[in-house]
Amino acid sequence: MRLRPLSRALTTASSETALESDPRSVSADSLIRRLSGRYFLVLLAVAVLVVADQAIVQPLLVHMNSYAPAINLAGRQRMLSQRLAKSALALEVSADEASRERYREELRTTLAQWSAAHSALRRGDSQLGLPKLDSAQFNNAWTELEPHFAAMFTAGIELAEMKENSASRDTAHTVSIIVDHEAAFLPVMERIVLLLQKDADQQVARLRVVAISIAATIIALLLGLGWHVVRPANRAIRGQVDRLESQVASRTRQLSLANDSLRHEIFEQQEAESKNRTLAAQLAHAARISTMGQFTAAHFTVVGKIDFARILVLEHGCLETEEVLVFL
């Protein structure tokens, strides 16, 4: 009967603890929502940076990939112009017709490759992956190069189609045109190659700046994520753990006190039950003794009456039963 008030007290204490924890739960939910919003914003920013990488960096990489074949082809133009001049000179000094025809065929092949590469560099070629070089410096260089290219190309065509019986004077003049313009063609073509390399270096530098900017932004976002999301979350978790440990310690103390109280009440109840059993045994023993005394008294009374009857019989002789009962 004494355990019920204690259980009510424990229930009341639990209810009070739950009521006290409700404001903390509301505060924790608010913190979780706030941190979730920040985390979502950081993820959204990272997704935007990934899209920016695909939209900015990848086109720059594709554009840079076109510089390698352009630089290679521009350098090849110098080699083809030198081959054109060499073939023209070899054709001029050749004595036999077989050698002359072989150099004419070499001139035709070189002119075809040279003019195709010149057109691709000048106007761009999607099949070769060459962009159109459109800037003030490139336009000036192409404008300066164009007369030399046209003169060499025209002279090369004339030399390749020249008849066998043509005068050596005409051949020498055509060859001199090729050689003279080839000397002016090479520096301009060299400048175009340098312009391509410079433009490629600028694209690499721009790509490096964009990549570094994106990487720095991502690092800043991660630092912001750690400072504004992870750090408050750790602080909140640490606070929750501390509160839980405090509540556990408080509940442990309460349970320990309740356990001691229960143990004390059980001991008192056992002691009371022991006393009750002892008292009941004493009462039973007293009852037995009282009953035995009554039986003994009754026995002695009966025995005394029988002895008295015997004395009467001895004194008066034979008496009737009714007379004996009257005396008893």
Protein backbone atom coordinates (compact mmCIF):
# COMPACT_ATOMS: atom_id res chain seq x y z
CA MET A 1 0.00 0.00 0.00
CA ARG A 2 2.90 2.37 0.63
CA LEU A 3 4.38 1.68 -2.87
CA ARG A 4 1.57 3.44 -4.75
CA PRO A 5 2.44 7.00 -3.64
CA LEU A 6 6.02 6.41 -4.73
CA SER A 7 4.94 5.24 -8.20
CA ARG A 8 2.70 8.31 -8.52
CA ALA A 9 5.66 10.51 -7.60
CA LEU A 10 7.83 8.86 -10.27
CA THR A 11 5.08 9.30 -12.87
CA THR A 12 4.69 12.95 -11.92
CA ALA A 13 8.45 13.51 -12.14
CA SER A 14 8.52 11.90 -15.61
CA SER A 15 5.66 14.12 -16.79
CA GLU A 16 7.40 17.22 -15.48
CA THR A 17 10.63 16.19 -17.23
CA ALA A 18 8.75 15.69 -20.50
CA LEU A 19 7.12 19.10 -20.18
CA GLU A 20 10.47 20.71 -19.50
CA SER A 21 11.98 19.03 -22.58
CA ASP A 22 9.30 20.30 -24.97
CA PRO A 23 10.83 23.81 -25.39
CA ARG A 24 14.20 22.21 -26.09
CA SER A 25 12.61 19.96 -28.69
CA VAL A 26 11.04 22.98 -30.37
CA SER A 27 14.40 24.78 -30.33
CA ALA A 28 16.14 21.70 -31.78
CA ASP A 29 13.57 21.47 -34.59
CA SER A 30 14.10 25.13 -35.42
CA LEU A 31 17.87 24.63 -35.48
CA ILE A 32 17.52 21.57 -37.71
CA ARG A 33 15.34 23.47 -40.16
CA ARG A 34 17.78 26.37 -40.24
CA LEU A 35 20.79 24.09 -40.80
CA SER A 36 18.90 22.13 -43.46
CA GLY A 37 18.19 25.37 -45.31
CA ARG A 38 21.85 26.36 -45.22
CA TYR A 39 22.92 22.91 -46.36
CA PHE A 40 20.47 23.06 -49.26
CA LEU A 41 21.80 26.48 -50.30
CA VAL A 42 25.39 25.18 -50.29
CA LEU A 43 24.41 22.15 -52.36
CA LEU A 44 22.55 24.42 -54.78
CA ALA A 45 25.62 26.65 -55.11
CA VAL A 46 27.83 23.61 -55.77
CA ALA A 47 25.37 22.41 -58.42
CA VAL A 48 25.45 25.87 -60.04
CA LEU A 49 29.26 25.74 -60.08
CA VAL A 50 29.19 22.31 -61.71
CA VAL A 51 26.84 23.67 -64.38
CA ALA A 52 29.12 26.68 -64.78
CA ASP A 53 32.06 24.34 -65.23
CA GLN A 54 30.23 22.53 -68.01
CA ALA A 55 29.02 25.76 -69.59
CA ILE A 56 32.28 27.77 -69.37
CA VAL A 57 35.25 25.49 -68.86
CA GLN A 58 34.26 22.78 -71.32
CA PRO A 59 33.78 25.19 -74.26
CA LEU A 60 37.16 26.70 -73.43
CA LEU A 61 38.71 23.24 -73.47
CA VAL A 62 37.07 22.46 -76.80
CA HIS A 63 38.30 25.78 -78.18
CA MET A 64 41.80 25.10 -76.88
CA ASN A 65 41.84 21.70 -78.54
CA SER A 66 41.55 23.48 -81.89
CA TYR A 67 44.77 25.44 -81.35
CA ALA A 68 47.01 22.41 -81.55
CA PRO A 69 46.04 21.44 -85.14
CA ALA A 70 46.03 25.13 -86.14
CA ILE A 71 49.59 25.65 -84.85
CA ASN A 72 50.67 22.38 -86.43
CA LEU A 73 49.13 23.30 -89.77
CA ALA A 74 50.58 26.82 -89.67
CA GLY A 75 54.04 25.38 -89.01
CA ARG A 76 53.49 22.94 -91.88
CA GLN A 77 52.76 25.88 -94.18
CA ARG A 78 56.31 27.08 -93.69
CA MET A 79 57.64 23.66 -94.61
CA LEU A 80 55.40 23.49 -97.71
CA SER A 81 56.55 26.93 -98.87
CA GLN A 82 60.17 25.82 -98.55
CA ARG A 83 59.38 22.61 -100.45
CA LEU A 84 57.70 24.69 -103.16
CA ALA A 85 60.83 26.80 -103.57
CA LYS A 86 63.08 23.72 -103.53
CA SER A 87 60.99 21.97 -106.19
CA ALA A 88 61.02 25.10 -108.37
CA LEU A 89 64.79 25.41 -108.14
CA ALA A 90 65.24 21.69 -108.82
CA LEU A 91 62.96 21.97 -111.87
CA GLU A 92 65.00 24.90 -113.17
CA VAL A 93 68.34 23.08 -113.03
CA SER A 94 67.08 19.65 -114.17
CA ALA A 95 68.45 18.55 -117.55
CA ASP A 96 66.45 15.40 -118.38
CA GLU A 97 62.74 15.44 -119.02
CA ALA A 98 61.96 12.63 -116.51
CA SER A 99 63.38 14.62 -113.62
CA ARG A 100 61.57 17.74 -114.77
CA GLU A 101 58.25 15.87 -114.92
CA ARG A 102 58.84 14.43 -111.46
CA TYR A 103 59.45 17.92 -110.02
CA ARG A 104 56.36 19.26 -111.83
CA GLU A 105 54.26 16.57 -110.11
CA GLU A 106 55.85 17.46 -106.80
CA LEU A 107 54.97 21.12 -107.45
CA ARG A 108 51.33 20.21 -108.16
CA THR A 109 51.04 18.12 -105.01
CA THR A 110 52.72 20.77 -102.85
CA LEU A 111 50.55 23.55 -104.29
CA ALA A 112 47.36 21.56 -103.61
CA GLN A 113 48.31 20.86 -99.99
CA TRP A 114 49.59 24.40 -99.46
CA SER A 115 46.50 26.14 -100.84
CA ALA A 116 44.09 23.84 -98.95
CA ALA A 117 45.91 24.48 -95.67
CA HIS A 118 45.97 28.22 -96.37
CA SER A 119 42.20 28.27 -96.98
CA ALA A 120 41.53 26.20 -93.84
CA LEU A 121 43.65 28.52 -91.69
CA ARG A 122 42.15 31.63 -93.24
CA ARG A 123 38.46 30.69 -93.09
CA GLY A 124 38.38 27.79 -90.59
CA ASP A 125 37.54 24.16 -91.25
CA SER A 126 35.10 22.16 -89.09
CA GLN A 127 36.31 18.84 -90.47
CA LEU A 128 39.87 19.57 -89.38
CA GLY A 129 38.65 21.17 -86.14
CA LEU A 130 40.11 24.57 -87.05
CA PRO A 131 38.39 27.74 -85.80
CA LYS A 132 38.22 30.90 -87.85
CA LEU A 133 41.03 33.17 -86.73
CA ASP A 134 39.18 36.46 -86.49
CA SER A 135 41.04 39.22 -84.69
CA ALA A 136 42.77 42.46 -85.60
CA GLN A 137 46.26 40.97 -85.33
CA PHE A 138 45.37 37.88 -87.35
CA ASN A 139 43.60 39.96 -90.01
CA ASN A 140 46.62 42.25 -90.35
CA ALA A 141 48.95 39.27 -90.63
CA TRP A 142 46.73 37.58 -93.24
CA THR A 143 46.48 40.83 -95.19
CA GLU A 144 50.26 41.10 -95.25
CA LEU A 145 50.67 37.43 -96.15
CA GLU A 146 48.08 37.27 -98.92
CA PRO A 147 50.12 38.98 -101.73
CA HIS A 148 53.10 36.70 -101.17
CA PHE A 149 50.88 33.63 -101.11
CA ALA A 150 49.07 34.68 -104.29
CA ALA A 151 52.30 35.43 -106.13
CA MET A 152 53.92 32.13 -105.13
CA PHE A 153 50.78 30.16 -105.92
CA THR A 154 50.38 31.75 -109.36
CA ALA A 155 54.04 31.27 -110.19
CA GLY A 156 53.94 27.69 -109.03
CA ILE A 157 50.90 26.93 -111.22
CA GLU A 158 52.65 28.50 -114.23
CA LEU A 159 55.82 26.55 -113.54
CA ALA A 160 53.94 23.25 -113.10
CA GLU A 161 51.99 23.77 -116.36
CA MET A 162 54.91 25.17 -118.36
CA LYS A 163 55.63 23.39 -121.68
CA GLU A 164 58.82 21.51 -122.28
CA ASN A 165 60.02 23.89 -125.00
CA SER A 166 59.53 27.00 -122.88
CA ALA A 167 62.40 29.39 -122.73
CA SER A 168 64.73 29.04 -119.82
CA ARG A 169 64.41 32.77 -119.33
CA ASP A 170 60.68 32.39 -118.49
CA THR A 171 61.41 29.52 -116.15
CA ALA A 172 64.11 31.49 -114.32
CA HIS A 173 61.77 34.46 -113.91
CA THR A 174 58.98 32.30 -112.51
CA VAL A 175 61.40 30.57 -110.12
CA SER A 176 62.77 33.91 -108.96
CA ILE A 177 59.23 35.06 -108.13
CA ILE A 178 58.70 31.99 -105.96
CA VAL A 179 62.07 32.34 -104.23
CA ASP A 180 61.72 36.08 -103.60
CA HIS A 181 58.20 35.87 -102.18
CA GLU A 182 59.09 32.76 -100.16
CA ALA A 183 61.68 34.82 -98.30
CA ALA A 184 58.96 37.34 -97.33
CA PHE A 185 56.33 34.63 -96.73
CA LEU A 186 58.27 32.82 -94.01
CA PRO A 187 58.52 35.70 -91.44
CA VAL A 188 54.84 36.55 -91.76
CA MET A 189 53.87 32.90 -91.39
CA GLU A 190 56.18 32.68 -88.39
CA ARG A 191 54.36 35.64 -86.87
CA ILE A 192 51.01 33.93 -87.41
CA VAL A 193 52.32 30.84 -85.63
CA LEU A 194 53.46 33.01 -82.72
CA LEU A 195 50.06 34.71 -82.64
CA LEU A 196 48.39 31.30 -82.46
CA GLN A 197 50.69 30.25 -79.63
CA LYS A 198 50.06 33.53 -77.80
CA ASP A 199 46.30 33.19 -78.21
CA ALA A 200 46.51 29.60 -76.98
CA ASP A 201 48.51 30.73 -73.95
CA GLN A 202 45.89 33.38 -73.22
CA GLN A 203 43.13 30.77 -73.46
CA VAL A 204 45.10 28.53 -71.09
CA ALA A 205 45.53 31.43 -68.66
CA ARG A 206 41.82 32.27 -68.90
CA LEU A 207 40.92 28.64 -68.35
CA ARG A 208 43.29 28.50 -65.36
CA VAL A 209 41.69 31.63 -63.87
CA VAL A 210 38.19 30.22 -64.34
CA ALA A 211 39.18 26.84 -62.90
CA ILE A 212 40.93 28.46 -59.93
CA SER A 213 37.92 30.72 -59.36
CA ILE A 214 35.53 27.78 -59.40
CA ALA A 215 37.83 25.76 -57.13
CA ALA A 216 38.23 28.71 -54.73
CA THR A 217 34.47 29.23 -54.69
CA ILE A 218 33.87 25.55 -53.95
CA ILE A 219 36.46 25.66 -51.16
CA ALA A 220 34.81 28.80 -49.76
CA LEU A 221 31.43 27.08 -49.91
CA LEU A 222 32.81 24.03 -48.13
CA LEU A 223 34.36 26.26 -45.47
CA GLY A 224 31.04 28.07 -45.16
CA LEU A 225 29.30 24.71 -44.92
CA GLY A 226 31.65 23.71 -42.12
CA TRP A 227 31.32 27.04 -40.31
CA HIS A 228 27.60 27.69 -40.70
CA VAL A 229 26.24 24.12 -40.82
CA VAL A 230 28.65 21.53 -39.41
CA ARG A 231 29.92 23.73 -36.55
CA PRO A 232 26.43 24.70 -35.26
CA ALA A 233 25.32 21.11 -35.74
CA ASN A 234 28.26 19.87 -33.67
CA ARG A 235 27.49 22.46 -31.02
CA ALA A 236 23.82 21.46 -30.98
CA ILE A 237 24.68 17.77 -30.85
CA ARG A 238 27.16 18.41 -28.05
CA GLY A 239 24.53 20.39 -26.15
CA GLN A 240 21.95 17.66 -26.68
CA VAL A 241 24.42 15.04 -25.49
CA ASP A 242 25.25 17.10 -22.41
CA ARG A 243 21.56 17.59 -21.66
CA LEU A 244 20.89 13.91 -22.18
CA GLU A 245 23.77 13.00 -19.89
CA SER A 246 22.44 15.44 -17.28
CA GLN A 247 18.94 13.99 -17.62
CA VAL A 248 20.32 10.45 -17.42
CA ALA A 249 22.30 11.35 -14.30
CA SER A 250 19.22 13.02 -12.76
CA ARG A 251 17.03 10.05 -13.63
CA THR A 252 19.68 7.70 -12.28
CA ARG A 253 19.74 9.60 -8.99
CA GLN A 254 15.94 9.55 -8.83
CA LEU A 255 15.83 5.86 -9.59
CA SER A 256 18.56 5.20 -7.04
CA LEU A 257 16.60 7.10 -4.39
CA ALA A 258 13.41 5.31 -5.40
CA ASN A 259 15.25 1.99 -5.27
CA ASP A 260 16.58 2.78 -1.78
CA SER A 261 13.11 3.84 -0.66
CA LEU A 262 11.58 0.68 -2.13
CA ARG A 263 14.26 -1.44 -0.49
CA HIS A 264 13.59 0.29 2.87
CA GLU A 265 9.84 -0.16 2.51
CA ILE A 266 10.30 -3.82 1.55
CA PHE A 267 12.51 -4.29 4.61
CA GLU A 268 9.91 -2.61 6.83
CA GLN A 269 7.15 -4.70 5.29
CA GLN A 270 9.14 -7.88 5.78
CA GLU A 271 9.88 -6.88 9.39
CA ALA A 272 6.18 -6.14 10.00
CA GLU A 273 5.19 -9.45 8.45
CA SER A 274 7.78 -11.19 10.65
CA LYS A 275 6.34 -9.48 13.73
CA ASN A 276 2.84 -10.42 12.63
CA ARG A 277 3.87 -14.03 12.18
CA THR A 278 5.53 -14.00 15.63
CA LEU A 279 2.45 -12.44 17.24
CA ALA A 280 0.17 -14.89 15.47
CA ALA A 281 2.32 -17.77 16.72
CA GLN A 282 2.21 -16.36 20.24
CA LEU A 283 -1.56 -15.96 20.05
CA ALA A 284 -1.94 -19.47 18.74
CA HIS A 285 0.28 -20.76 21.51
CA ALA A 286 -1.72 -18.83 24.11
CA ALA A 287 -4.96 -20.19 22.68
CA ARG A 288 -3.62 -23.71 22.87
CA ILE A 289 -2.49 -23.16 26.44
CA SER A 290 -5.91 -21.72 27.39
CA THR A 291 -7.70 -24.65 25.82
CA MET A 292 -5.47 -27.11 27.59
CA GLY A 293 -6.11 -25.27 30.89
CA GLN A 294 -9.85 -25.48 30.33
CA PHE A 295 -9.59 -29.16 29.57
CA THR A 296 -7.45 -29.73 32.65
CA ALA A 297 -9.82 -27.77 34.88
CA ALA A 298 -12.79 -29.66 33.53
CA HIS A 299 -10.95 -32.91 34.07
CA PHE A 300 -10.11 -32.09 37.65
CA THR A 301 -13.69 -30.95 38.27
CA VAL A 302 -15.10 -34.17 36.99
CA VAL A 303 -12.56 -36.20 38.93
CA GLY A 304 -13.31 -34.22 42.09
CA LYS A 305 -17.04 -34.78 41.69
CA ILE A 306 -16.54 -38.47 41.11
CA ASP A 307 -14.38 -38.70 44.25
CA PHE A 308 -17.04 -36.77 46.19
CA ALA A 309 -19.70 -39.18 44.92
CA ARG A 310 -17.60 -42.06 46.03
CA ILE A 311 -17.27 -40.51 49.50
CA LEU A 312 -21.04 -40.03 49.69
CA VAL A 313 -21.61 -43.58 48.68
CA LEU A 314 -19.17 -44.73 51.27
CA GLU A 315 -20.76 -42.58 53.97
CA HIS A 316 -24.47 -43.14 53.24
CA GLY A 317 -24.41 -46.37 51.55
CA CYS A 318 -26.14 -47.06 48.32
CA LEU A 319 -27.85 -44.00 47.01
CA GLU A 320 -30.11 -43.49 44.08
CA THR A 321 -28.79 -41.82 40.98
CA GLU A 322 -31.01 -38.80 41.43
CA GLU A 323 -29.70 -38.34 44.94
CA VAL A 324 -26.14 -38.49 43.78
CA LEU A 325 -26.82 -35.89 41.06
CA VAL A 326 -28.42 -33.62 43.68
CA PHE A 327 -25.27 -33.78 45.78
CA LEU A 328 -23.04 -33.15 42.70
